[in-house]
Amino acid sequence: MCRARNRSAWMLTTILWAAFATGPATAAPEAVPAAAAESSPPDVAGTSGTSPDDTRCVDALFQLQVLAGDWKVYKPGPGNDRTYLNDRDRPAEVKRLSAERDANCSDKPEVLASQQRRASELFQALSPDCREAREKLQNLQRPTARSAPSDIAKQRAYLEAHCPDVSRDGVWLVDWIYPRHL
């Protein structure tokens, strides 16, 4: 048991080191792909130029994607309070959101595809990957971190390209604690 735990700890340390290690000081910093750097940030719902029905459609598609997973979901409340969705209430919520999707989403295939793309971008923006990327930037910016300005710039570029800063009120969000199946 102890050997397995030590081996797991060693593997985790190796993986984390490989993921976050930087090359020698003379090496060029790892760049964000040119296409991502030149393109504008993802157009997540709620930006200017979208109708209220369009925003409701994207939110409904996003929430259906959230409820399709096997995650605990919640709606944020005042402060740090959370209201969790009970498993027995999930089918009724999926039915309600499906009706909202049907009422607000476009019948035109190209518009519907755009709405679905923005719902997927919203799902990515609120994912654990983006949460961790934001936390990494905060850690790099701490006065005691002694981070290189190029590392901070690289992390900001990643966030701008992949993780737009969005917030949603009144939608179900994923707790990102994966349930353990026995």
N, C-alpha and C. Protein backbone atom coordinates (compact mmCIF):
# COMPACT_ATOMS: atom_id res chain seq x y z
N MET A 1 0.83 -1.19 0.00
CA MET A 1 0.00 0.00 0.00
C MET A 1 0.88 1.25 0.00
N CYS A 2 1.89 1.25 0.83
CA CYS A 2 2.78 2.42 0.93
C CYS A 2 3.55 2.62 -0.38
N ARG A 3 4.02 1.50 -0.98
CA ARG A 3 4.74 1.62 -2.25
C ARG A 3 3.83 2.20 -3.33
N ALA A 4 2.59 1.73 -3.38
CA ALA A 4 1.65 2.23 -4.38
C ALA A 4 1.40 3.71 -4.18
N ARG A 5 1.25 4.15 -2.94
CA ARG A 5 1.02 5.56 -2.66
C ARG A 5 2.24 6.38 -3.06
N ASN A 6 3.45 5.90 -2.75
CA ASN A 6 4.66 6.62 -3.12
C ASN A 6 4.80 6.67 -4.63
N ARG A 7 4.49 5.56 -5.32
CA ARG A 7 4.58 5.54 -6.77
C ARG A 7 3.58 6.52 -7.36
N SER A 8 2.36 6.57 -6.81
CA SER A 8 1.35 7.50 -7.30
C SER A 8 1.79 8.94 -7.07
N ALA A 9 2.35 9.21 -5.91
CA ALA A 9 2.83 10.57 -5.62
C ALA A 9 3.97 10.94 -6.56
N TRP A 10 4.85 9.99 -6.84
CA TRP A 10 5.95 10.27 -7.75
C TRP A 10 5.44 10.54 -9.16
N MET A 11 4.45 9.74 -9.60
CA MET A 11 3.89 9.92 -10.94
C MET A 11 3.19 11.27 -11.04
N LEU A 12 2.44 11.62 -10.01
CA LEU A 12 1.75 12.91 -10.01
C LEU A 12 2.75 14.06 -10.05
N THR A 13 3.80 13.96 -9.26
CA THR A 13 4.84 14.99 -9.26
C THR A 13 5.49 15.09 -10.63
N THR A 14 5.78 13.97 -11.25
CA THR A 14 6.41 13.96 -12.57
C THR A 14 5.49 14.59 -13.60
N ILE A 15 4.21 14.26 -13.55
CA ILE A 15 3.26 14.81 -14.51
C ILE A 15 3.12 16.31 -14.32
N LEU A 16 2.98 16.74 -13.07
CA LEU A 16 2.85 18.18 -12.81
C LEU A 16 4.11 18.94 -13.21
N TRP A 17 5.27 18.35 -12.93
CA TRP A 17 6.51 19.01 -13.29
C TRP A 17 6.61 19.14 -14.80
N ALA A 18 6.26 18.09 -15.51
CA ALA A 18 6.34 18.13 -16.97
C ALA A 18 5.36 19.15 -17.55
N ALA A 19 4.21 19.29 -16.90
CA ALA A 19 3.20 20.21 -17.40
C ALA A 19 3.58 21.67 -17.18
N PHE A 20 4.26 21.96 -16.08
CA PHE A 20 4.52 23.35 -15.73
C PHE A 20 5.98 23.76 -15.84
N ALA A 21 6.85 22.84 -16.15
CA ALA A 21 8.27 23.18 -16.23
C ALA A 21 8.51 24.07 -17.44
N THR A 22 9.43 24.98 -17.28
CA THR A 22 9.81 25.82 -18.40
C THR A 22 11.22 25.46 -18.82
N GLY A 23 11.54 25.82 -20.01
CA GLY A 23 12.87 25.51 -20.54
C GLY A 23 13.91 26.42 -19.92
N PRO A 24 15.17 26.33 -20.39
CA PRO A 24 16.22 27.20 -19.88
C PRO A 24 15.90 28.67 -20.16
N ALA A 25 16.56 29.55 -19.43
CA ALA A 25 16.27 30.98 -19.52
C ALA A 25 16.49 31.52 -20.92
N THR A 26 17.37 30.91 -21.72
CA THR A 26 17.64 31.43 -23.05
C THR A 26 16.62 30.93 -24.07
N ALA A 27 15.85 29.93 -23.72
CA ALA A 27 14.87 29.40 -24.67
C ALA A 27 13.71 30.37 -24.80
N ALA A 28 13.12 30.40 -25.99
CA ALA A 28 11.97 31.26 -26.22
C ALA A 28 10.77 30.69 -25.46
N PRO A 29 9.95 31.55 -24.86
CA PRO A 29 8.79 31.04 -24.15
C PRO A 29 7.83 30.37 -25.11
N GLU A 30 7.12 29.39 -24.60
CA GLU A 30 6.15 28.67 -25.40
C GLU A 30 5.07 29.65 -25.82
N ALA A 31 4.80 29.73 -27.10
CA ALA A 31 3.88 30.73 -27.61
C ALA A 31 2.49 30.15 -27.78
N VAL A 32 1.53 31.04 -27.71
CA VAL A 32 0.17 30.68 -28.03
C VAL A 32 0.11 30.52 -29.53
N PRO A 33 -0.63 29.53 -30.07
CA PRO A 33 -0.71 29.38 -31.51
C PRO A 33 -1.11 30.69 -32.17
N ALA A 34 -0.52 30.95 -33.34
CA ALA A 34 -0.74 32.22 -34.03
C ALA A 34 -2.22 32.45 -34.32
N ALA A 35 -2.94 31.41 -34.70
CA ALA A 35 -4.36 31.56 -35.01
C ALA A 35 -5.13 32.02 -33.77
N ALA A 36 -4.79 31.48 -32.62
CA ALA A 36 -5.49 31.85 -31.39
C ALA A 36 -5.10 33.26 -30.95
N ALA A 37 -3.84 33.63 -31.16
CA ALA A 37 -3.38 34.94 -30.74
C ALA A 37 -3.98 36.04 -31.61
N GLU A 38 -4.15 35.76 -32.93
CA GLU A 38 -4.65 36.77 -33.83
C GLU A 38 -6.17 36.86 -33.81
N SER A 39 -6.83 35.76 -33.50
CA SER A 39 -8.29 35.77 -33.52
C SER A 39 -8.83 36.51 -32.31
N SER A 40 -10.04 36.97 -32.47
CA SER A 40 -10.67 37.64 -31.33
C SER A 40 -11.12 36.59 -30.34
N PRO A 41 -11.31 36.98 -29.08
CA PRO A 41 -11.77 36.01 -28.09
C PRO A 41 -13.10 35.41 -28.50
N PRO A 42 -13.40 34.22 -28.00
CA PRO A 42 -14.67 33.59 -28.35
C PRO A 42 -15.84 34.50 -28.03
N ASP A 43 -16.83 34.50 -28.92
CA ASP A 43 -18.02 35.33 -28.77
C ASP A 43 -19.03 34.56 -27.94
N VAL A 44 -18.93 34.68 -26.64
CA VAL A 44 -19.83 33.98 -25.74
C VAL A 44 -21.11 34.79 -25.61
N ALA A 45 -22.22 34.11 -25.44
CA ALA A 45 -23.52 34.79 -25.34
C ALA A 45 -23.48 35.86 -24.27
N GLY A 46 -24.27 36.90 -24.49
CA GLY A 46 -24.32 37.98 -23.53
C GLY A 46 -23.50 39.16 -23.98
N THR A 47 -22.83 39.05 -25.12
CA THR A 47 -22.06 40.16 -25.64
C THR A 47 -23.00 41.09 -26.38
N SER A 48 -22.52 42.25 -26.74
CA SER A 48 -23.37 43.22 -27.40
C SER A 48 -23.82 42.70 -28.76
N GLY A 49 -25.01 43.11 -29.17
CA GLY A 49 -25.51 42.71 -30.47
C GLY A 49 -26.33 41.43 -30.45
N THR A 50 -26.58 40.86 -29.31
CA THR A 50 -27.40 39.66 -29.26
C THR A 50 -28.76 40.00 -28.67
N SER A 51 -29.77 39.33 -29.18
CA SER A 51 -31.12 39.58 -28.68
C SER A 51 -31.33 38.83 -27.37
N PRO A 52 -32.33 39.23 -26.59
CA PRO A 52 -32.62 38.50 -25.35
C PRO A 52 -32.98 37.04 -25.61
N ASP A 53 -33.74 36.77 -26.71
CA ASP A 53 -34.08 35.39 -27.05
C ASP A 53 -32.82 34.59 -27.37
N ASP A 54 -31.88 35.21 -28.07
CA ASP A 54 -30.64 34.53 -28.42
C ASP A 54 -29.85 34.18 -27.16
N THR A 55 -29.77 35.10 -26.22
CA THR A 55 -29.07 34.84 -24.96
C THR A 55 -29.76 33.75 -24.16
N ARG A 56 -31.10 33.78 -24.13
CA ARG A 56 -31.84 32.73 -23.43
C ARG A 56 -31.62 31.37 -24.08
N CYS A 57 -31.53 31.35 -25.41
CA CYS A 57 -31.27 30.10 -26.13
C CYS A 57 -29.90 29.54 -25.76
N VAL A 58 -28.88 30.40 -25.80
CA VAL A 58 -27.52 29.96 -25.49
C VAL A 58 -27.44 29.48 -24.04
N ASP A 59 -28.08 30.20 -23.13
CA ASP A 59 -28.09 29.78 -21.72
C ASP A 59 -28.79 28.43 -21.56
N ALA A 60 -29.91 28.23 -22.28
CA ALA A 60 -30.63 26.96 -22.19
C ALA A 60 -29.77 25.82 -22.75
N LEU A 61 -29.12 26.06 -23.89
CA LEU A 61 -28.25 25.03 -24.47
C LEU A 61 -27.09 24.70 -23.53
N PHE A 62 -26.51 25.74 -22.92
CA PHE A 62 -25.42 25.55 -21.97
C PHE A 62 -25.89 24.71 -20.78
N GLN A 63 -27.05 25.07 -20.22
CA GLN A 63 -27.55 24.35 -19.05
C GLN A 63 -27.92 22.90 -19.38
N LEU A 64 -28.43 22.66 -20.59
CA LEU A 64 -28.72 21.28 -21.00
C LEU A 64 -27.43 20.48 -21.10
N GLN A 65 -26.36 21.13 -21.58
CA GLN A 65 -25.05 20.47 -21.64
C GLN A 65 -24.54 20.17 -20.23
N VAL A 66 -24.76 21.09 -19.31
CA VAL A 66 -24.35 20.89 -17.91
C VAL A 66 -25.14 19.75 -17.28
N LEU A 67 -26.46 19.74 -17.50
CA LEU A 67 -27.31 18.72 -16.89
C LEU A 67 -27.13 17.34 -17.53
N ALA A 68 -26.58 17.30 -18.74
CA ALA A 68 -26.34 16.02 -19.41
C ALA A 68 -25.21 15.24 -18.73
N GLY A 69 -24.31 15.94 -18.07
CA GLY A 69 -23.20 15.29 -17.38
C GLY A 69 -23.65 14.69 -16.06
N ASP A 70 -22.77 13.90 -15.48
CA ASP A 70 -23.07 13.24 -14.21
C ASP A 70 -22.44 14.04 -13.06
N TRP A 71 -22.69 15.36 -13.06
CA TRP A 71 -22.08 16.24 -12.07
C TRP A 71 -23.14 16.77 -11.12
N LYS A 72 -22.68 17.19 -9.97
CA LYS A 72 -23.55 17.95 -9.08
C LYS A 72 -23.63 19.35 -9.68
N VAL A 73 -24.84 19.90 -9.74
CA VAL A 73 -25.00 21.24 -10.30
C VAL A 73 -25.65 22.14 -9.26
N TYR A 74 -25.36 23.42 -9.37
CA TYR A 74 -25.88 24.39 -8.41
C TYR A 74 -26.11 25.71 -9.09
N LYS A 75 -26.90 26.55 -8.42
CA LYS A 75 -27.05 27.95 -8.82
C LYS A 75 -26.43 28.77 -7.70
N PRO A 76 -25.58 29.72 -8.07
CA PRO A 76 -24.97 30.55 -7.03
C PRO A 76 -26.00 31.45 -6.37
N GLY A 77 -25.82 31.63 -5.08
CA GLY A 77 -26.70 32.50 -4.31
C GLY A 77 -25.92 33.69 -3.79
N PRO A 78 -26.49 34.41 -2.85
CA PRO A 78 -25.78 35.56 -2.28
C PRO A 78 -24.51 35.11 -1.56
N GLY A 79 -23.46 35.86 -1.73
CA GLY A 79 -22.18 35.50 -1.11
C GLY A 79 -21.65 34.23 -1.74
N ASN A 80 -21.30 33.28 -0.90
CA ASN A 80 -20.79 32.00 -1.39
C ASN A 80 -21.82 30.89 -1.27
N ASP A 81 -23.08 31.22 -1.06
CA ASP A 81 -24.13 30.22 -0.94
C ASP A 81 -24.40 29.57 -2.29
N ARG A 82 -24.76 28.29 -2.23
CA ARG A 82 -25.09 27.54 -3.43
C ARG A 82 -26.39 26.78 -3.20
N THR A 83 -27.24 26.76 -4.23
CA THR A 83 -28.46 25.97 -4.20
C THR A 83 -28.27 24.81 -5.16
N TYR A 84 -28.16 23.60 -4.62
CA TYR A 84 -27.90 22.42 -5.44
C TYR A 84 -29.20 21.84 -5.99
N LEU A 85 -29.12 21.27 -7.19
CA LEU A 85 -30.25 20.61 -7.81
C LEU A 85 -30.29 19.17 -7.34
N ASN A 86 -31.42 18.78 -6.79
CA ASN A 86 -31.60 17.41 -6.33
C ASN A 86 -31.75 16.49 -7.54
N ASP A 87 -31.21 15.28 -7.47
CA ASP A 87 -31.26 14.34 -8.59
C ASP A 87 -32.69 14.03 -9.02
N ARG A 88 -33.61 13.98 -8.09
CA ARG A 88 -34.99 13.67 -8.45
C ARG A 88 -35.64 14.82 -9.22
N ASP A 89 -35.10 16.04 -9.10
CA ASP A 89 -35.64 17.19 -9.81
C ASP A 89 -34.98 17.42 -11.17
N ARG A 90 -33.94 16.69 -11.46
CA ARG A 90 -33.18 16.88 -12.70
C ARG A 90 -34.03 16.65 -13.95
N PRO A 91 -34.83 15.57 -14.07
CA PRO A 91 -35.63 15.38 -15.29
C PRO A 91 -36.61 16.53 -15.54
N ALA A 92 -37.22 17.05 -14.50
CA ALA A 92 -38.15 18.17 -14.68
C ALA A 92 -37.40 19.42 -15.16
N GLU A 93 -36.20 19.63 -14.65
CA GLU A 93 -35.39 20.78 -15.07
C GLU A 93 -34.96 20.62 -16.52
N VAL A 94 -34.59 19.41 -16.94
CA VAL A 94 -34.23 19.16 -18.33
C VAL A 94 -35.43 19.43 -19.24
N LYS A 95 -36.62 19.02 -18.80
CA LYS A 95 -37.84 19.26 -19.58
C LYS A 95 -38.10 20.76 -19.71
N ARG A 96 -37.95 21.49 -18.60
CA ARG A 96 -38.18 22.94 -18.63
C ARG A 96 -37.18 23.63 -19.56
N LEU A 97 -35.91 23.24 -19.47
CA LEU A 97 -34.88 23.85 -20.32
C LEU A 97 -35.05 23.46 -21.79
N SER A 98 -35.53 22.26 -22.04
CA SER A 98 -35.79 21.85 -23.43
C SER A 98 -36.90 22.71 -24.03
N ALA A 99 -37.93 22.99 -23.24
CA ALA A 99 -39.01 23.87 -23.71
C ALA A 99 -38.48 25.28 -23.96
N GLU A 100 -37.61 25.76 -23.08
CA GLU A 100 -37.00 27.09 -23.26
C GLU A 100 -36.14 27.11 -24.52
N ARG A 101 -35.39 26.04 -24.74
CA ARG A 101 -34.58 25.93 -25.95
C ARG A 101 -35.47 25.98 -27.19
N ASP A 102 -36.54 25.19 -27.18
CA ASP A 102 -37.43 25.14 -28.34
C ASP A 102 -38.09 26.49 -28.60
N ALA A 103 -38.39 27.24 -27.54
CA ALA A 103 -39.07 28.52 -27.70
C ALA A 103 -38.12 29.63 -28.15
N ASN A 104 -36.83 29.56 -27.77
CA ASN A 104 -35.93 30.69 -28.01
C ASN A 104 -34.87 30.46 -29.09
N CYS A 105 -34.57 29.23 -29.41
CA CYS A 105 -33.52 28.98 -30.40
C CYS A 105 -34.06 29.12 -31.81
N SER A 106 -33.18 29.49 -32.70
CA SER A 106 -33.55 29.76 -34.08
C SER A 106 -33.86 28.48 -34.85
N ASP A 107 -34.71 28.63 -35.86
CA ASP A 107 -35.01 27.51 -36.75
C ASP A 107 -34.02 27.46 -37.92
N LYS A 108 -33.30 28.56 -38.13
CA LYS A 108 -32.33 28.61 -39.22
C LYS A 108 -31.09 27.82 -38.82
N PRO A 109 -30.65 26.89 -39.65
CA PRO A 109 -29.51 26.02 -39.28
C PRO A 109 -28.23 26.79 -38.97
N GLU A 110 -27.92 27.84 -39.73
CA GLU A 110 -26.67 28.57 -39.49
C GLU A 110 -26.72 29.36 -38.18
N VAL A 111 -27.88 29.93 -37.86
CA VAL A 111 -28.03 30.66 -36.59
C VAL A 111 -27.99 29.68 -35.43
N LEU A 112 -28.69 28.55 -35.57
CA LEU A 112 -28.69 27.53 -34.52
C LEU A 112 -27.28 27.00 -34.28
N ALA A 113 -26.52 26.80 -35.35
CA ALA A 113 -25.13 26.33 -35.21
C ALA A 113 -24.30 27.35 -34.44
N SER A 114 -24.52 28.63 -34.71
CA SER A 114 -23.81 29.69 -33.99
C SER A 114 -24.20 29.68 -32.51
N GLN A 115 -25.47 29.49 -32.21
CA GLN A 115 -25.92 29.44 -30.83
C GLN A 115 -25.33 28.24 -30.10
N GLN A 116 -25.28 27.09 -30.77
CA GLN A 116 -24.69 25.90 -30.17
C GLN A 116 -23.19 26.09 -29.93
N ARG A 117 -22.51 26.75 -30.88
CA ARG A 117 -21.07 27.01 -30.72
C ARG A 117 -20.83 27.91 -29.52
N ARG A 118 -21.65 28.95 -29.36
CA ARG A 118 -21.47 29.86 -28.24
C ARG A 118 -21.79 29.19 -26.91
N ALA A 119 -22.75 28.25 -26.91
CA ALA A 119 -23.04 27.49 -25.69
C ALA A 119 -21.85 26.61 -25.32
N SER A 120 -21.19 26.01 -26.31
CA SER A 120 -20.00 25.20 -26.04
C SER A 120 -18.85 26.07 -25.54
N GLU A 121 -18.72 27.27 -26.10
CA GLU A 121 -17.67 28.20 -25.64
C GLU A 121 -17.95 28.63 -24.19
N LEU A 122 -19.21 28.83 -23.86
CA LEU A 122 -19.58 29.18 -22.49
C LEU A 122 -19.24 28.03 -21.54
N PHE A 123 -19.53 26.80 -21.97
CA PHE A 123 -19.20 25.62 -21.18
C PHE A 123 -17.69 25.55 -20.94
N GLN A 124 -16.89 25.84 -21.97
CA GLN A 124 -15.43 25.84 -21.82
C GLN A 124 -14.98 26.96 -20.90
N ALA A 125 -15.57 28.15 -21.04
CA ALA A 125 -15.16 29.30 -20.23
C ALA A 125 -15.42 29.07 -18.75
N LEU A 126 -16.43 28.26 -18.43
CA LEU A 126 -16.77 27.99 -17.04
C LEU A 126 -16.26 26.62 -16.58
N SER A 127 -15.35 26.04 -17.35
CA SER A 127 -14.83 24.69 -17.05
C SER A 127 -13.72 24.74 -16.00
N PRO A 128 -13.34 23.58 -15.45
CA PRO A 128 -12.24 23.56 -14.49
C PRO A 128 -10.91 23.96 -15.12
N ASP A 129 -10.72 23.70 -16.42
CA ASP A 129 -9.47 24.11 -17.08
C ASP A 129 -9.30 25.62 -17.00
N CYS A 130 -10.36 26.34 -17.31
CA CYS A 130 -10.27 27.80 -17.26
C CYS A 130 -10.18 28.30 -15.82
N ARG A 131 -10.88 27.64 -14.91
CA ARG A 131 -10.77 28.04 -13.50
C ARG A 131 -9.32 27.89 -13.03
N GLU A 132 -8.69 26.78 -13.38
CA GLU A 132 -7.30 26.54 -12.99
C GLU A 132 -6.37 27.53 -13.68
N ALA A 133 -6.65 27.88 -14.93
CA ALA A 133 -5.82 28.85 -15.64
C ALA A 133 -5.92 30.23 -14.97
N ARG A 134 -7.12 30.60 -14.53
CA ARG A 134 -7.27 31.88 -13.82
C ARG A 134 -6.53 31.87 -12.49
N GLU A 135 -6.62 30.73 -11.78
CA GLU A 135 -5.90 30.61 -10.50
C GLU A 135 -4.39 30.65 -10.73
N LYS A 136 -3.93 30.04 -11.80
CA LYS A 136 -2.50 30.06 -12.11
C LYS A 136 -2.04 31.49 -12.36
N LEU A 137 -2.84 32.27 -13.10
CA LEU A 137 -2.47 33.67 -13.33
C LEU A 137 -2.42 34.44 -12.02
N GLN A 138 -3.39 34.21 -11.13
CA GLN A 138 -3.36 34.88 -9.84
C GLN A 138 -2.10 34.51 -9.06
N ASN A 139 -1.73 33.25 -9.09
CA ASN A 139 -0.51 32.82 -8.40
C ASN A 139 0.74 33.42 -9.01
N LEU A 140 0.77 33.54 -10.33
CA LEU A 140 1.92 34.16 -10.99
C LEU A 140 2.04 35.64 -10.64
N GLN A 141 0.92 36.30 -10.40
CA GLN A 141 0.91 37.73 -10.13
C GLN A 141 1.15 38.09 -8.67
N ARG A 142 1.18 37.10 -7.79
CA ARG A 142 1.45 37.41 -6.38
C ARG A 142 2.83 38.05 -6.25
N PRO A 143 2.97 39.02 -5.35
CA PRO A 143 4.28 39.68 -5.19
C PRO A 143 5.39 38.72 -4.76
N THR A 144 5.03 37.68 -4.03
CA THR A 144 6.05 36.74 -3.56
C THR A 144 6.39 35.66 -4.59
N ALA A 145 5.70 35.65 -5.73
CA ALA A 145 5.90 34.58 -6.72
C ALA A 145 7.18 34.75 -7.52
N ARG A 146 7.65 35.96 -7.71
CA ARG A 146 8.85 36.24 -8.50
C ARG A 146 8.75 35.65 -9.91
N SER A 147 7.60 35.81 -10.50
CA SER A 147 7.37 35.27 -11.84
C SER A 147 7.94 36.19 -12.90
N ALA A 148 8.39 35.58 -13.97
CA ALA A 148 8.91 36.34 -15.09
C ALA A 148 7.74 37.03 -15.80
N PRO A 149 7.91 38.26 -16.25
CA PRO A 149 6.83 38.95 -16.97
C PRO A 149 6.37 38.17 -18.20
N SER A 150 7.28 37.44 -18.83
CA SER A 150 6.88 36.67 -20.02
C SER A 150 5.93 35.53 -19.64
N ASP A 151 6.12 34.94 -18.45
CA ASP A 151 5.21 33.88 -18.00
C ASP A 151 3.82 34.44 -17.73
N ILE A 152 3.78 35.62 -17.14
CA ILE A 152 2.49 36.27 -16.86
C ILE A 152 1.81 36.62 -18.18
N ALA A 153 2.56 37.16 -19.12
CA ALA A 153 2.00 37.52 -20.43
C ALA A 153 1.49 36.29 -21.17
N LYS A 154 2.23 35.20 -21.08
CA LYS A 154 1.82 33.96 -21.75
C LYS A 154 0.52 33.44 -21.15
N GLN A 155 0.40 33.50 -19.83
CA GLN A 155 -0.81 33.03 -19.17
C GLN A 155 -1.99 33.93 -19.51
N ARG A 156 -1.77 35.25 -19.56
CA ARG A 156 -2.84 36.18 -19.95
C ARG A 156 -3.29 35.90 -21.38
N ALA A 157 -2.33 35.65 -22.27
CA ALA A 157 -2.68 35.36 -23.67
C ALA A 157 -3.51 34.09 -23.77
N TYR A 158 -3.17 33.08 -22.98
CA TYR A 158 -3.94 31.84 -22.97
C TYR A 158 -5.37 32.11 -22.51
N LEU A 159 -5.51 32.87 -21.42
CA LEU A 159 -6.84 33.18 -20.90
C LEU A 159 -7.66 33.97 -21.91
N GLU A 160 -7.05 34.94 -22.57
CA GLU A 160 -7.77 35.74 -23.56
C GLU A 160 -8.21 34.90 -24.75
N ALA A 161 -7.38 33.93 -25.14
CA ALA A 161 -7.69 33.11 -26.30
C ALA A 161 -8.70 32.01 -26.00
N HIS A 162 -8.66 31.46 -24.79
CA HIS A 162 -9.46 30.26 -24.50
C HIS A 162 -10.51 30.44 -23.41
N CYS A 163 -10.36 31.42 -22.57
CA CYS A 163 -11.22 31.52 -21.38
C CYS A 163 -11.74 32.94 -21.20
N PRO A 164 -12.73 33.33 -22.00
CA PRO A 164 -13.26 34.68 -21.81
C PRO A 164 -13.86 34.82 -20.42
N ASP A 165 -13.78 36.01 -19.88
CA ASP A 165 -14.30 36.25 -18.54
C ASP A 165 -15.80 36.49 -18.64
N VAL A 166 -16.56 35.49 -18.27
CA VAL A 166 -18.02 35.58 -18.33
C VAL A 166 -18.58 35.22 -16.97
N SER A 167 -19.75 35.72 -16.71
CA SER A 167 -20.46 35.30 -15.51
C SER A 167 -21.91 35.14 -15.90
N ARG A 168 -22.56 34.26 -15.23
CA ARG A 168 -23.96 33.99 -15.51
C ARG A 168 -24.73 33.99 -14.20
N ASP A 169 -25.85 34.69 -14.20
CA ASP A 169 -26.74 34.69 -13.05
C ASP A 169 -27.95 33.84 -13.41
N GLY A 170 -28.37 33.00 -12.48
CA GLY A 170 -29.59 32.24 -12.67
C GLY A 170 -29.46 31.01 -13.54
N VAL A 171 -28.24 30.54 -13.80
CA VAL A 171 -28.07 29.31 -14.58
C VAL A 171 -27.40 28.25 -13.72
N TRP A 172 -27.61 27.00 -14.08
CA TRP A 172 -26.98 25.90 -13.37
C TRP A 172 -25.52 25.83 -13.74
N LEU A 173 -24.66 25.69 -12.75
CA LEU A 173 -23.23 25.56 -12.95
C LEU A 173 -22.77 24.22 -12.40
N VAL A 174 -21.66 23.73 -12.92
CA VAL A 174 -21.13 22.44 -12.49
C VAL A 174 -20.24 22.62 -11.28
N ASP A 175 -20.40 21.74 -10.28
CA ASP A 175 -19.56 21.77 -9.09
C ASP A 175 -18.18 21.19 -9.39
N TRP A 176 -18.04 20.41 -10.46
CA TRP A 176 -16.79 19.81 -10.92
C TRP A 176 -16.17 18.88 -9.89
N ILE A 177 -16.99 18.32 -9.03
CA ILE A 177 -16.54 17.23 -8.16
C ILE A 177 -17.15 15.98 -8.75
N TYR A 178 -16.31 15.14 -9.29
CA TYR A 178 -16.81 13.98 -10.00
C TYR A 178 -17.28 12.91 -9.03
N PRO A 179 -18.51 12.41 -9.23
CA PRO A 179 -19.01 11.38 -8.32
C PRO A 179 -18.25 10.07 -8.52
N ARG A 180 -18.10 9.35 -7.46
CA ARG A 180 -17.38 8.08 -7.50
C ARG A 180 -18.41 6.96 -7.67
N HIS A 181 -18.24 6.18 -8.71
CA HIS A 181 -19.14 5.06 -8.95
C HIS A 181 -18.50 3.79 -8.44
N LEU A 182 -19.22 3.05 -7.65
CA LEU A 182 -18.71 1.79 -7.11
C LEU A 182 -19.10 0.63 -7.95
